[in-house]
């Protein structure tokens, strides 16, 4: 029986000993320690000529050694026939389509694989990216309550070029070596961040428009992300070995199912 759902416990936020962090970047850094993590949900809406398509992400991240060390995220959309769950560690990723032909977990091993909470324009747990975004703040004011805490709203505009310079694999995590053209680097992301009294992110909204390389569009993209449970004890574990198959084994199953061979 599968027993790899993350174990979640502990308070919604962590009150570290000593003075409160001086700024949101320092507050984030204090969270990136062993036995801590966070929960995330993201709704991504793409619009073209009035037609909208929604995508969803929901999952958890485990922290340690100043970074994310594991994630467990389920992806779905209005056009996807089955939700997909991805469990990611450095160099390893386990995938399971919840209603697909492959009932086992499929493991892939690539040295560039690493766990992230990346919602296309923002790396939620990357201090350098958060610092770059906040540096473009134009508005700061009191706002509503999220995750049980009062928040302050920060609002501004940042370009693709600035995000890439800060370390974001942008757009849509296409490639870690992707570099924007001069025109792409000028594309603007309008953003809003809601930070709690502990200066930790509770909600992030970003939106931008672009044309594709073949001239289609403009497409408009909106990401609305909620972050909860800072300081929760989260442990992400791999699936049991007897429930995991390789990519080659998965391809063989599909080949047999659909009656073709390479």
C-alpha atoms as a PDB file:
ATOM      1  CA  UNK A   1       0.000   0.000   0.000  1.00  0.00           C
ATOM      2  CA  UNK A   2       1.301   3.438  -0.879  1.00  0.00           C
ATOM      3  CA  UNK A   3       2.344   5.345   2.225  1.00  0.00           C
ATOM      4  CA  UNK A   4       4.208   8.280   0.799  1.00  0.00           C
ATOM      5  CA  UNK A   5       1.812  11.129   1.459  1.00  0.00           C
ATOM      6  CA  UNK A   6       3.801  13.854   3.254  1.00  0.00           C
ATOM      7  CA  UNK A   7       3.430  13.943   7.013  1.00  0.00           C
ATOM      8  CA  UNK A   8       2.147  17.355   7.972  1.00  0.00           C
ATOM      9  CA  UNK A   9       2.027  18.603  11.526  1.00  0.00           C
ATOM     10  CA  UNK A  10       2.978  21.536  13.674  1.00  0.00           C
ATOM     11  CA  UNK A  11       1.834  25.154  13.768  1.00  0.00           C
ATOM     12  CA  UNK A  12       0.833  27.170  10.741  1.00  0.00           C
ATOM     13  CA  UNK A  13       3.819  29.454  11.263  1.00  0.00           C
ATOM     14  CA  UNK A  14       7.069  29.221  13.156  1.00  0.00           C
ATOM     15  CA  UNK A  15       8.092  31.728  15.800  1.00  0.00           C
ATOM     16  CA  UNK A  16      11.865  31.498  15.911  1.00  0.00           C
ATOM     17  CA  UNK A  17      13.613  32.575  19.036  1.00  0.00           C
ATOM     18  CA  UNK A  18      14.965  36.088  19.101  1.00  0.00           C
ATOM     19  CA  UNK A  19      13.915  39.178  17.214  1.00  0.00           C
ATOM     20  CA  UNK A  20      11.597  39.078  14.227  1.00  0.00           C
ATOM     21  CA  UNK A  21      13.369  39.029  10.847  1.00  0.00           C
ATOM     22  CA  UNK A  22      14.317  42.427   9.512  1.00  0.00           C
ATOM     23  CA  UNK A  23      12.861  41.845   6.050  1.00  0.00           C
ATOM     24  CA  UNK A  24      11.003  39.246   3.912  1.00  0.00           C
ATOM     25  CA  UNK A  25      14.198  37.841   2.412  1.00  0.00           C
ATOM     26  CA  UNK A  26      15.670  37.141   5.854  1.00  0.00           C
ATOM     27  CA  UNK A  27      12.334  35.673   6.988  1.00  0.00           C
ATOM     28  CA  UNK A  28      12.402  33.246   4.048  1.00  0.00           C
ATOM     29  CA  UNK A  29      16.001  32.230   4.706  1.00  0.00           C
ATOM     30  CA  UNK A  30      15.088  31.330   8.294  1.00  0.00           C
ATOM     31  CA  UNK A  31      12.484  28.880   7.009  1.00  0.00           C
ATOM     32  CA  UNK A  32      14.861  26.920   4.764  1.00  0.00           C
ATOM     33  CA  UNK A  33      16.005  24.518   7.476  1.00  0.00           C
ATOM     34  CA  UNK A  34      15.579  20.808   8.145  1.00  0.00           C
ATOM     35  CA  UNK A  35      12.169  19.500   9.245  1.00  0.00           C
ATOM     36  CA  UNK A  36      10.370  22.537   7.883  1.00  0.00           C
ATOM     37  CA  UNK A  37       8.290  23.058   4.796  1.00  0.00           C
ATOM     38  CA  UNK A  38       5.276  24.746   3.271  1.00  0.00           C
ATOM     39  CA  UNK A  39       2.125  24.034   1.274  1.00  0.00           C
ATOM     40  CA  UNK A  40       1.301  25.682  -2.050  1.00  0.00           C
ATOM     41  CA  UNK A  41      -1.649  25.913  -4.440  1.00  0.00           C
ATOM     42  CA  UNK A  42      -1.518  27.702  -7.782  1.00  0.00           C
ATOM     43  CA  UNK A  43      -4.205  28.524 -10.347  1.00  0.00           C
ATOM     44  CA  UNK A  44      -2.776  29.461 -13.748  1.00  0.00           C
ATOM     45  CA  UNK A  45      -5.160  30.959 -16.322  1.00  0.00           C
ATOM     46  CA  UNK A  46      -4.161  31.369 -19.973  1.00  0.00           C
ATOM     47  CA  UNK A  47      -6.369  33.557 -22.184  1.00  0.00           C
ATOM     48  CA  UNK A  48      -6.306  33.903 -25.981  1.00  0.00           C
ATOM     49  CA  UNK A  49      -8.969  35.857 -27.852  1.00  0.00           C
ATOM     50  CA  UNK A  50     -11.349  35.592 -24.935  1.00  0.00           C
ATOM     51  CA  UNK A  51     -10.927  31.823 -24.524  1.00  0.00           C
ATOM     52  CA  UNK A  52      -9.625  30.776 -21.105  1.00  0.00           C
ATOM     53  CA  UNK A  53      -7.848  27.599 -20.038  1.00  0.00           C
ATOM     54  CA  UNK A  54      -7.048  26.868 -16.396  1.00  0.00           C
ATOM     55  CA  UNK A  55      -4.257  24.796 -14.888  1.00  0.00           C
ATOM     56  CA  UNK A  56      -3.857  23.812 -11.236  1.00  0.00           C
ATOM     57  CA  UNK A  57      -0.939  22.864  -9.024  1.00  0.00           C
ATOM     58  CA  UNK A  58      -1.195  21.722  -5.418  1.00  0.00           C
ATOM     59  CA  UNK A  59       1.453  20.263  -3.155  1.00  0.00           C
ATOM     60  CA  UNK A  60       4.118  20.608  -0.515  1.00  0.00           C
ATOM     61  CA  UNK A  61       7.818  21.357  -0.281  1.00  0.00           C
ATOM     62  CA  UNK A  62      10.364  20.139   2.244  1.00  0.00           C
ATOM     63  CA  UNK A  63      13.260  22.421   3.181  1.00  0.00           C
ATOM     64  CA  UNK A  64      16.812  21.834   4.352  1.00  0.00           C
ATOM     65  CA  UNK A  65      20.320  23.294   4.003  1.00  0.00           C
ATOM     66  CA  UNK A  66      19.021  26.643   2.765  1.00  0.00           C
ATOM     67  CA  UNK A  67      16.927  25.307  -0.117  1.00  0.00           C
ATOM     68  CA  UNK A  68      14.061  23.057  -1.164  1.00  0.00           C
ATOM     69  CA  UNK A  69      15.166  19.427  -0.882  1.00  0.00           C
ATOM     70  CA  UNK A  70      11.948  17.718  -2.040  1.00  0.00           C
ATOM     71  CA  UNK A  71       8.525  18.485  -3.483  1.00  0.00           C
ATOM     72  CA  UNK A  72       5.305  16.528  -3.907  1.00  0.00           C
ATOM     73  CA  UNK A  73       3.015  18.311  -6.369  1.00  0.00           C
ATOM     74  CA  UNK A  74      -0.086  17.295  -8.319  1.00  0.00           C
ATOM     75  CA  UNK A  75      -0.803  18.985 -11.659  1.00  0.00           C
ATOM     76  CA  UNK A  76      -4.145  19.148 -13.446  1.00  0.00           C
ATOM     77  CA  UNK A  77      -5.932  21.251 -16.047  1.00  0.00           C
ATOM     78  CA  UNK A  78      -9.204  21.618 -17.912  1.00  0.00           C
ATOM     79  CA  UNK A  79      -7.746  19.738 -20.875  1.00  0.00           C
ATOM     80  CA  UNK A  80      -5.776  17.068 -18.982  1.00  0.00           C
ATOM     81  CA  UNK A  81      -7.405  13.623 -19.004  1.00  0.00           C
ATOM     82  CA  UNK A  82      -5.721  12.605 -15.763  1.00  0.00           C
ATOM     83  CA  UNK A  83      -4.044  14.481 -12.902  1.00  0.00           C
ATOM     84  CA  UNK A  84      -0.295  13.947 -12.680  1.00  0.00           C
ATOM     85  CA  UNK A  85       1.625  13.704  -9.431  1.00  0.00           C
ATOM     86  CA  UNK A  86       5.347  14.440  -9.358  1.00  0.00           C
ATOM     87  CA  UNK A  87       7.646  13.743  -6.419  1.00  0.00           C
ATOM     88  CA  UNK A  88      11.002  15.390  -6.975  1.00  0.00           C
ATOM     89  CA  UNK A  89      14.423  15.180  -5.329  1.00  0.00           C
ATOM     90  CA  UNK A  90      17.832  16.297  -6.568  1.00  0.00           C
ATOM     91  CA  UNK A  91      18.522  14.137  -9.630  1.00  0.00           C
ATOM     92  CA  UNK A  92      15.361  12.018  -9.321  1.00  0.00           C
ATOM     93  CA  UNK A  93      11.705  12.442 -10.153  1.00  0.00           C
ATOM     94  CA  UNK A  94       8.818  10.019  -9.673  1.00  0.00           C
ATOM     95  CA  UNK A  95       5.727  10.463 -11.846  1.00  0.00           C
ATOM     96  CA  UNK A  96       2.270   8.940 -11.612  1.00  0.00           C
ATOM     97  CA  UNK A  97      -0.733   9.679 -13.802  1.00  0.00           C
ATOM     98  CA  UNK A  98      -3.588   9.005 -11.431  1.00  0.00           C
ATOM     99  CA  UNK A  99      -5.903   7.539 -14.086  1.00  0.00           C
ATOM    100  CA  UNK A 100      -3.402   6.590 -16.773  1.00  0.00           C
ATOM    101  CA  UNK A 101      -2.482   3.271 -18.357  1.00  0.00           C
ATOM    102  CA  UNK A 102       0.652   3.064 -16.225  1.00  0.00           C
ATOM    103  CA  UNK A 103      -0.381   2.171 -12.681  1.00  0.00           C
ATOM    104  CA  UNK A 104       3.135   2.244 -11.229  1.00  0.00           C
ATOM    105  CA  UNK A 105       5.336   5.206 -10.407  1.00  0.00           C
ATOM    106  CA  UNK A 106       7.787   5.979 -13.229  1.00  0.00           C
ATOM    107  CA  UNK A 107      11.207   7.186 -12.132  1.00  0.00           C
ATOM    108  CA  UNK A 108      13.485   9.405 -14.221  1.00  0.00           C
ATOM    109  CA  UNK A 109      17.035  10.289 -13.254  1.00  0.00           C
ATOM    110  CA  UNK A 110      18.667  13.397 -14.691  1.00  0.00           C
ATOM    111  CA  UNK A 111      21.415  15.401 -13.055  1.00  0.00           C
ATOM    112  CA  UNK A 112      19.637  18.719 -13.782  1.00  0.00           C
ATOM    113  CA  UNK A 113      16.459  17.657 -11.983  1.00  0.00           C
ATOM    114  CA  UNK A 114      15.830  19.555  -8.780  1.00  0.00           C
ATOM    115  CA  UNK A 115      12.765  20.299  -6.641  1.00  0.00           C
ATOM    116  CA  UNK A 116      11.296  23.797  -6.870  1.00  0.00           C
ATOM    117  CA  UNK A 117       8.160  25.761  -6.122  1.00  0.00           C
ATOM    118  CA  UNK A 118       8.152  27.577  -9.434  1.00  0.00           C
ATOM    119  CA  UNK A 119       4.892  29.154 -10.628  1.00  0.00           C
ATOM    120  CA  UNK A 120       6.338  30.366 -13.935  1.00  0.00           C
ATOM    121  CA  UNK A 121       7.214  33.903 -12.880  1.00  0.00           C
ATOM    122  CA  UNK A 122       8.173  33.414  -9.244  1.00  0.00           C
ATOM    123  CA  UNK A 123      10.323  30.944  -7.328  1.00  0.00           C
ATOM    124  CA  UNK A 124       8.469  30.965  -4.035  1.00  0.00           C
ATOM    125  CA  UNK A 125      11.355  29.727  -1.884  1.00  0.00           C
ATOM    126  CA  UNK A 126      14.296  31.427  -3.617  1.00  0.00           C
ATOM    127  CA  UNK A 127      15.609  34.399  -1.580  1.00  0.00           C
ATOM    128  CA  UNK A 128      17.423  35.941  -4.580  1.00  0.00           C
ATOM    129  CA  UNK A 129      14.297  35.941  -6.757  1.00  0.00           C
ATOM    130  CA  UNK A 130      12.146  37.291  -3.909  1.00  0.00           C
ATOM    131  CA  UNK A 131      14.672  40.073  -3.324  1.00  0.00           C
ATOM    132  CA  UNK A 132      14.658  41.025  -7.016  1.00  0.00           C
ATOM    133  CA  UNK A 133      10.864  41.143  -7.141  1.00  0.00           C
ATOM    134  CA  UNK A 134      10.527  43.227  -3.973  1.00  0.00           C
ATOM    135  CA  UNK A 135      13.145  45.656  -5.297  1.00  0.00           C
ATOM    136  CA  UNK A 136      10.600  46.705  -7.953  1.00  0.00           C
ATOM    137  CA  UNK A 137       7.878  47.546  -5.388  1.00  0.00           C
ATOM    138  CA  UNK A 138       5.782  50.624  -6.247  1.00  0.00           C
ATOM    139  CA  UNK A 139       2.987  50.231  -3.689  1.00  0.00           C
ATOM    140  CA  UNK A 140       2.970  48.980  -0.106  1.00  0.00           C
ATOM    141  CA  UNK A 141      -0.138  49.047   2.063  1.00  0.00           C
ATOM    142  CA  UNK A 142      -2.085  47.058   4.686  1.00  0.00           C
ATOM    143  CA  UNK A 143      -4.247  44.278   3.241  1.00  0.00           C
ATOM    144  CA  UNK A 144      -6.507  41.385   4.271  1.00  0.00           C
ATOM    145  CA  UNK A 145      -5.915  38.175   6.203  1.00  0.00           C
ATOM    146  CA  UNK A 146      -4.428  35.031   4.665  1.00  0.00           C
ATOM    147  CA  UNK A 147      -3.435  31.821   6.435  1.00  0.00           C
ATOM    148  CA  UNK A 148      -4.544  33.290   9.749  1.00  0.00           C
ATOM    149  CA  UNK A 149      -2.386  36.402   9.646  1.00  0.00           C
ATOM    150  CA  UNK A 150      -2.834  40.014   8.661  1.00  0.00           C
ATOM    151  CA  UNK A 151      -0.891  40.887   5.550  1.00  0.00           C
ATOM    152  CA  UNK A 152       0.842  43.765   3.840  1.00  0.00           C
ATOM    153  CA  UNK A 153       0.367  44.091   0.094  1.00  0.00           C
ATOM    154  CA  UNK A 154       3.419  44.822  -2.058  1.00  0.00           C
ATOM    155  CA  UNK A 155       2.826  45.666  -5.713  1.00  0.00           C
ATOM    156  CA  UNK A 156       5.081  46.403  -8.658  1.00  0.00           C
ATOM    157  CA  UNK A 157       6.382  45.473 -12.103  1.00  0.00           C
ATOM    158  CA  UNK A 158       9.396  43.360 -13.058  1.00  0.00           C
ATOM    159  CA  UNK A 159      10.732  42.287 -16.461  1.00  0.00           C
ATOM    160  CA  UNK A 160      11.602  38.823 -17.710  1.00  0.00           C
ATOM    161  CA  UNK A 161      15.191  39.993 -17.991  1.00  0.00           C
ATOM    162  CA  UNK A 162      15.316  40.976 -14.322  1.00  0.00           C
ATOM    163  CA  UNK A 163      13.795  37.648 -13.273  1.00  0.00           C
ATOM    164  CA  UNK A 164      16.289  35.621 -15.300  1.00  0.00           C
ATOM    165  CA  UNK A 165      19.176  37.676 -13.929  1.00  0.00           C
ATOM    166  CA  UNK A 166      17.961  36.862 -10.399  1.00  0.00           C
ATOM    167  CA  UNK A 167      17.984  33.144 -11.154  1.00  0.00           C
ATOM    168  CA  UNK A 168      14.519  32.255 -12.434  1.00  0.00           C
ATOM    169  CA  UNK A 169      14.271  29.662 -15.231  1.00  0.00           C
ATOM    170  CA  UNK A 170      11.778  31.710 -17.157  1.00  0.00           C
ATOM    171  CA  UNK A 171       9.309  31.450 -18.752  1.00  0.00           C
ATOM    172  CA  UNK A 172       7.605  28.215 -17.695  1.00  0.00           C
ATOM    173  CA  UNK A 173      10.831  26.588 -16.553  1.00  0.00           C
ATOM    174  CA  UNK A 174      11.685  25.783 -20.199  1.00  0.00           C
ATOM    175  CA  UNK A 175      15.405  25.385 -19.625  1.00  0.00           C
ATOM    176  CA  UNK A 176      17.998  26.272 -17.041  1.00  0.00           C
ATOM    177  CA  UNK A 177      20.146  27.636 -19.865  1.00  0.00           C
ATOM    178  CA  UNK A 178      17.366  29.648 -21.520  1.00  0.00           C
ATOM    179  CA  UNK A 179      18.207  33.252 -22.267  1.00  0.00           C
ATOM    180  CA  UNK A 180      15.570  35.783 -23.347  1.00  0.00           C
ATOM    181  CA  UNK A 181      15.954  37.713 -26.556  1.00  0.00           C
ATOM    182  CA  UNK A 182      16.292  41.467 -26.203  1.00  0.00           C
ATOM    183  CA  UNK A 183      12.564  41.822 -26.895  1.00  0.00           C
ATOM    184  CA  UNK A 184      11.577  39.037 -24.491  1.00  0.00           C
ATOM    185  CA  UNK A 185      13.731  40.528 -21.740  1.00  0.00           C
ATOM    186  CA  UNK A 186      11.518  43.630 -21.799  1.00  0.00           C
ATOM    187  CA  UNK A 187       8.247  41.752 -21.232  1.00  0.00           C
ATOM    188  CA  UNK A 188       6.725  43.068 -18.014  1.00  0.00           C
ATOM    189  CA  UNK A 189       5.204  41.014 -15.222  1.00  0.00           C
ATOM    190  CA  UNK A 190       2.729  42.933 -13.089  1.00  0.00           C
ATOM    191  CA  UNK A 191       2.793  41.438  -9.622  1.00  0.00           C
ATOM    192  CA  UNK A 192       1.282  41.569  -6.155  1.00  0.00           C
ATOM    193  CA  UNK A 193       2.622  39.863  -3.039  1.00  0.00           C
ATOM    194  CA  UNK A 194       0.836  39.547   0.297  1.00  0.00           C
ATOM    195  CA  UNK A 195       3.258  39.121   3.227  1.00  0.00           C
ATOM    196  CA  UNK A 196       2.173  38.203   6.758  1.00  0.00           C
ATOM    197  CA  UNK A 197       3.152  39.880  10.018  1.00  0.00           C
ATOM    198  CA  UNK A 198       6.065  37.420  10.095  1.00  0.00           C
ATOM    199  CA  UNK A 199       7.045  38.786   6.642  1.00  0.00           C
ATOM    200  CA  UNK A 200       6.460  35.425   4.942  1.00  0.00           C
ATOM    201  CA  UNK A 201       4.617  35.132   1.641  1.00  0.00           C
ATOM    202  CA  UNK A 202       0.942  34.146   1.828  1.00  0.00           C
ATOM    203  CA  UNK A 203      -0.304  34.996  -1.657  1.00  0.00           C
ATOM    204  CA  UNK A 204       1.319  35.933  -4.957  1.00  0.00           C
ATOM    205  CA  UNK A 205      -0.388  37.107  -8.133  1.00  0.00           C
ATOM    206  CA  UNK A 206       1.481  37.758 -11.379  1.00  0.00           C
ATOM    207  CA  UNK A 207       0.210  38.468 -14.873  1.00  0.00           C
ATOM    208  CA  UNK A 208       1.782  39.215 -18.256  1.00  0.00           C
ATOM    209  CA  UNK A 209       1.098  38.986 -21.988  1.00  0.00           C
ATOM    210  CA  UNK A 210       3.258  37.690 -24.820  1.00  0.00           C
ATOM    211  CA  UNK A 211       3.195  36.393 -28.366  1.00  0.00           C
ATOM    212  CA  UNK A 212       4.591  32.984 -29.218  1.00  0.00           C
ATOM    213  CA  UNK A 213       7.676  32.565 -31.393  1.00  0.00           C
ATOM    214  CA  UNK A 214       5.457  31.928 -34.442  1.00  0.00           C
ATOM    215  CA  UNK A 215       3.510  35.131 -33.848  1.00  0.00           C
ATOM    216  CA  UNK A 216       0.374  33.687 -32.278  1.00  0.00           C
ATOM    217  CA  UNK A 217      -1.265  35.667 -29.519  1.00  0.00           C
ATOM    218  CA  UNK A 218      -1.031  37.757 -27.573  1.00  0.00           C
ATOM    219  CA  UNK A 219      -1.589  35.235 -24.814  1.00  0.00           C
ATOM    220  CA  UNK A 220      -2.324  36.550 -21.333  1.00  0.00           C
ATOM    221  CA  UNK A 221      -1.130  34.551 -18.333  1.00  0.00           C
ATOM    222  CA  UNK A 222      -2.334  34.997 -14.760  1.00  0.00           C
ATOM    223  CA  UNK A 223      -0.950  33.072 -11.776  1.00  0.00           C
ATOM    224  CA  UNK A 224      -2.734  33.216  -8.421  1.00  0.00           C
ATOM    225  CA  UNK A 225      -0.720  31.358  -5.781  1.00  0.00           C
ATOM    226  CA  UNK A 226      -1.551  30.696  -2.130  1.00  0.00           C
ATOM    227  CA  UNK A 227       1.165  29.666   0.336  1.00  0.00           C
ATOM    228  CA  UNK A 228       0.201  28.222   3.725  1.00  0.00           C
ATOM    229  CA  UNK A 229       1.605  26.402   6.709  1.00  0.00           C
ATOM    230  CA  UNK A 230       5.053  27.927   6.970  1.00  0.00           C
ATOM    231  CA  UNK A 231       6.964  25.945   9.572  1.00  0.00           C
ATOM    232  CA  UNK A 232       4.935  22.765   9.184  1.00  0.00           C
ATOM    233  CA  UNK A 233       6.879  19.546   9.646  1.00  0.00           C
ATOM    234  CA  UNK A 234       6.921  18.051   6.161  1.00  0.00           C
ATOM    235  CA  UNK A 235       8.735  14.905   5.045  1.00  0.00           C
ATOM    236  CA  UNK A 236       8.498  13.849   1.405  1.00  0.00           C
ATOM    237  CA  UNK A 237       9.506  10.230   0.805  1.00  0.00           C
ATOM    238  CA  UNK A 238       9.913   8.227  -2.425  1.00  0.00           C
ATOM    239  CA  UNK A 239       7.319   5.591  -3.332  1.00  0.00           C
ATOM    240  CA  UNK A 240       8.034   1.995  -2.225  1.00  0.00           C
ATOM    241  CA  UNK A 241      10.590   0.374  -4.526  1.00  0.00           C
ATOM    242  CA  UNK A 242       8.170  -2.376  -5.585  1.00  0.00           C
ATOM    243  CA  UNK A 243       5.790   0.265  -6.968  1.00  0.00           C
ATOM    244  CA  UNK A 244       8.405   1.982  -9.151  1.00  0.00           C
ATOM    245  CA  UNK A 245       9.379   1.196 -12.757  1.00  0.00           C
ATOM    246  CA  UNK A 246      11.871   2.784 -15.155  1.00  0.00           C
ATOM    247  CA  UNK A 247      11.016   4.951 -18.149  1.00  0.00           C
ATOM    248  CA  UNK A 248      11.987   2.065 -20.445  1.00  0.00           C
ATOM    249  CA  UNK A 249       9.633  -0.302 -18.634  1.00  0.00           C
ATOM    250  CA  UNK A 250       6.846   2.259 -18.913  1.00  0.00           C
ATOM    251  CA  UNK A 251       7.455   2.633 -22.656  1.00  0.00           C
ATOM    252  CA  UNK A 252       7.348  -1.146 -23.066  1.00  0.00           C
ATOM    253  CA  UNK A 253       3.972  -1.279 -21.306  1.00  0.00           C
ATOM    254  CA  UNK A 254       2.558   1.422 -23.576  1.00  0.00           C
ATOM    255  CA  UNK A 255       4.001  -0.249 -26.672  1.00  0.00           C
ATOM    256  CA  UNK A 256       2.290  -3.492 -25.742  1.00  0.00           C
ATOM    257  CA  UNK A 257      -0.968  -1.702 -24.910  1.00  0.00           C
ATOM    258  CA  UNK A 258      -1.122   0.108 -28.238  1.00  0.00           C
ATOM    259  CA  UNK A 259       0.529  -2.591 -30.345  1.00  0.00           C
ATOM    260  CA  UNK A 260       3.640  -0.851 -31.615  1.00  0.00           C
ATOM    261  CA  UNK A 261       7.388  -1.171 -31.216  1.00  0.00           C
ATOM    262  CA  UNK A 262      10.275   1.185 -31.925  1.00  0.00           C
END
